[in-house]
Amino acid sequence: MALHTVRAAAGRLGVAYSTLKRWVYTGNVRTTRTEGGHHRISDNEIDRLLARQQPERRSRRTVTDVDESLAGLSARNRLPGFIDEVRIDGLLAQVRMRVGDHSLTAVITADAARALKLRRGDDVLAIVKSTEVMIARAGHTGVPRKRARS
């Protein structure tokens, strides 16, 4: 596992040094610190960051075109994106994908993840079919307020 300076990693990622440094300080980039306190970025982390770039930067077939096998599927909430990370542990797999500026996490069986051959950077389609939707307000404490009687 090769370690790169922040400046070298920024060059490989195609971003400015100051941008990558900011990502390091905000915790968006995983680094290793040297004895002198300098940040070093691994090849794996650079690959992870490259996978987060928008799919149109990569030349591969997109899943936005409706596939023949999905034509008969009743679910209409289809979200095109790409895989950010796949973690397989025991019977389950956690698949984190990027849909536009948002991150979506799905927990599926490890067998399904292996059968689909899911890898970081792959273009995928999240199909949402749910019987429940939960709604919350930002900053809401969950304690009901008393209403004034009229």
Protein backbone atom coordinates (compact mmCIF):
# COMPACT_ATOMS: atom_id res chain seq x y z
CA MET A 1 0.00 0.00 0.00
CA ALA A 2 1.70 3.15 -1.21
CA LEU A 3 1.22 6.39 0.69
CA HIS A 4 1.15 9.75 -1.11
CA THR A 5 1.58 13.33 0.04
CA VAL A 6 -1.51 15.51 -0.03
CA ARG A 7 -0.09 17.45 -3.00
CA ALA A 8 0.57 14.25 -5.00
CA ALA A 9 -2.87 12.85 -4.15
CA ALA A 10 -4.51 16.12 -5.21
CA GLY A 11 -2.76 15.81 -8.57
CA ARG A 12 -4.04 12.27 -9.06
CA LEU A 13 -7.56 13.31 -8.09
CA GLY A 14 -7.56 16.39 -10.28
CA VAL A 15 -8.42 18.77 -7.44
CA ALA A 16 -6.57 21.69 -5.94
CA TYR A 17 -4.16 21.09 -3.07
CA SER A 18 -6.16 23.46 -0.84
CA THR A 19 -9.39 21.58 -1.61
CA LEU A 20 -7.92 18.22 -0.66
CA LYS A 21 -6.35 19.72 2.47
CA ARG A 22 -9.78 21.05 3.48
CA TRP A 23 -11.29 17.59 2.94
CA VAL A 24 -8.58 16.13 5.17
CA TYR A 25 -9.26 18.62 7.97
CA THR A 26 -13.04 18.11 7.80
CA GLY A 27 -12.62 14.33 8.01
CA ASN A 28 -13.88 13.54 4.49
CA VAL A 29 -10.57 11.90 3.58
CA ARG A 30 -8.94 9.10 5.58
CA THR A 31 -5.24 9.72 6.13
CA THR A 32 -2.27 8.26 7.93
CA ARG A 33 -0.08 10.62 9.94
CA THR A 34 3.70 10.44 9.85
CA GLU A 35 5.82 10.76 12.98
CA GLY A 36 6.24 14.42 12.05
CA GLY A 37 2.45 14.91 11.88
CA HIS A 38 2.16 15.11 8.10
CA HIS A 39 -0.84 13.54 6.37
CA ARG A 40 -0.36 10.72 3.88
CA ILE A 41 -3.11 9.30 1.67
CA SER A 42 -3.21 5.65 0.59
CA ASP A 43 -3.88 4.30 -2.90
CA ASN A 44 -7.12 2.74 -1.61
CA GLU A 45 -8.37 6.10 -0.34
CA ILE A 46 -7.52 7.77 -3.65
CA ASP A 47 -9.46 5.01 -5.45
CA ARG A 48 -12.42 5.57 -3.11
CA LEU A 49 -12.37 9.30 -3.82
CA LEU A 50 -12.13 8.72 -7.57
CA ALA A 51 -15.19 6.46 -7.37
CA ARG A 52 -17.16 9.29 -5.76
CA GLN A 53 -16.74 11.47 -8.82
CA GLN A 54 -19.85 11.79 -10.95
CA PRO A 55 -20.50 8.86 -13.32
CA GLU A 56 -20.43 11.05 -16.44
CA ARG A 57 -16.68 11.43 -15.94
CA ARG A 58 -16.26 7.72 -16.51
CA SER A 59 -16.87 6.04 -19.83
CA ARG A 60 -19.19 3.15 -19.18
CA ARG A 61 -22.74 2.13 -19.89
CA THR A 62 -25.24 3.96 -17.70
CA VAL A 63 -28.30 2.35 -16.19
CA THR A 64 -30.55 5.34 -16.79
CA ASP A 65 -31.78 3.68 -19.97
CA VAL A 66 -34.55 1.30 -18.92
CA ASP A 67 -33.19 -2.21 -19.17
CA GLU A 68 -35.38 -4.89 -20.76
CA SER A 69 -35.30 -6.90 -17.53
CA LEU A 70 -36.67 -3.93 -15.54
CA ALA A 71 -39.48 -3.03 -17.96
CA GLY A 72 -42.08 -5.15 -16.16
CA LEU A 73 -41.10 -4.06 -12.66
CA SER A 74 -43.87 -2.21 -10.82
CA ALA A 75 -41.59 0.02 -8.74
CA ARG A 76 -41.41 3.51 -10.22
CA ASN A 77 -38.93 5.08 -7.82
CA ARG A 78 -35.72 4.35 -9.72
CA LEU A 79 -32.67 6.34 -8.70
CA PRO A 80 -29.60 6.11 -10.95
CA GLY A 81 -26.24 6.45 -9.23
CA PHE A 82 -22.95 4.71 -8.64
CA ILE A 83 -21.49 2.59 -5.86
CA ASP A 84 -19.40 4.45 -3.32
CA GLU A 85 -18.62 1.52 -1.02
CA VAL A 86 -19.49 -2.17 -0.53
CA ARG A 87 -18.97 -3.86 2.85
CA ILE A 88 -19.71 -7.56 3.19
CA ASP A 89 -19.81 -9.05 6.67
CA GLY A 90 -21.29 -12.45 7.36
CA LEU A 91 -24.74 -12.84 5.80
CA LEU A 92 -25.27 -9.14 5.00
CA ALA A 93 -23.76 -6.54 2.71
CA GLN A 94 -23.95 -2.79 3.15
CA VAL A 95 -23.95 -0.95 -0.17
CA ARG A 96 -23.49 2.82 -0.11
CA MET A 97 -24.24 4.58 -3.36
CA ARG A 98 -24.22 8.16 -4.58
CA VAL A 99 -27.38 9.52 -6.17
CA GLY A 100 -26.60 13.02 -7.34
CA ASP A 101 -25.36 14.93 -4.29
CA HIS A 102 -26.93 12.43 -1.89
CA SER A 103 -25.76 9.20 -0.33
CA LEU A 104 -28.08 6.19 -0.11
CA THR A 105 -27.34 3.03 1.88
CA ALA A 106 -28.94 -0.34 1.21
CA VAL A 107 -28.53 -3.49 3.29
CA ILE A 108 -28.85 -6.61 1.17
CA THR A 109 -27.77 -10.22 1.53
CA ALA A 110 -24.12 -10.99 0.96
CA ASP A 111 -25.17 -13.59 -1.63
CA ALA A 112 -27.05 -10.94 -3.62
CA ALA A 113 -24.05 -8.59 -3.52
CA ARG A 114 -21.78 -11.37 -4.79
CA ALA A 115 -24.26 -12.46 -7.48
CA LEU A 116 -24.54 -8.87 -8.74
CA LYS A 117 -20.73 -8.55 -8.55
CA LEU A 118 -21.07 -5.10 -6.96
CA ARG A 119 -17.86 -3.09 -6.97
CA ARG A 120 -16.93 0.46 -6.05
CA GLY A 121 -17.52 2.81 -8.97
CA ASP A 122 -20.11 0.61 -10.73
CA ASP A 123 -23.16 2.37 -12.15
CA VAL A 124 -26.30 1.04 -10.46
CA LEU A 125 -29.98 1.72 -10.11
CA ALA A 126 -31.58 1.95 -6.66
CA ILE A 127 -35.18 0.80 -6.85
CA VAL A 128 -37.25 1.96 -3.89
CA LYS A 129 -40.42 0.09 -3.01
CA SER A 130 -41.66 0.84 0.47
CA THR A 131 -44.87 0.61 2.42
CA GLU A 132 -43.84 3.29 4.90
CA VAL A 133 -42.31 6.75 4.72
CA MET A 134 -41.15 8.55 7.85
CA ILE A 135 -40.98 12.32 8.07
CA ALA A 136 -39.14 14.42 10.65
CA ARG A 137 -38.54 18.11 11.16
CA ALA A 138 -35.00 19.39 11.59
CA GLY A 139 -34.41 20.42 15.19
CA HIS A 140 -37.68 18.87 16.39
CA THR A 141 -37.37 17.51 19.93
CA GLY A 142 -40.18 15.01 19.62
CA VAL A 143 -42.04 16.53 22.60
CA PRO A 144 -45.54 17.55 21.56
CA ARG A 145 -46.40 21.18 22.14
CA LYS A 146 -49.67 22.08 23.79
CA ARG A 147 -52.06 23.85 21.52
CA ALA A 148 -53.87 26.90 22.71
CA ARG A 149 -57.62 26.35 22.99
CA SER A 150 -59.87 28.78 21.27
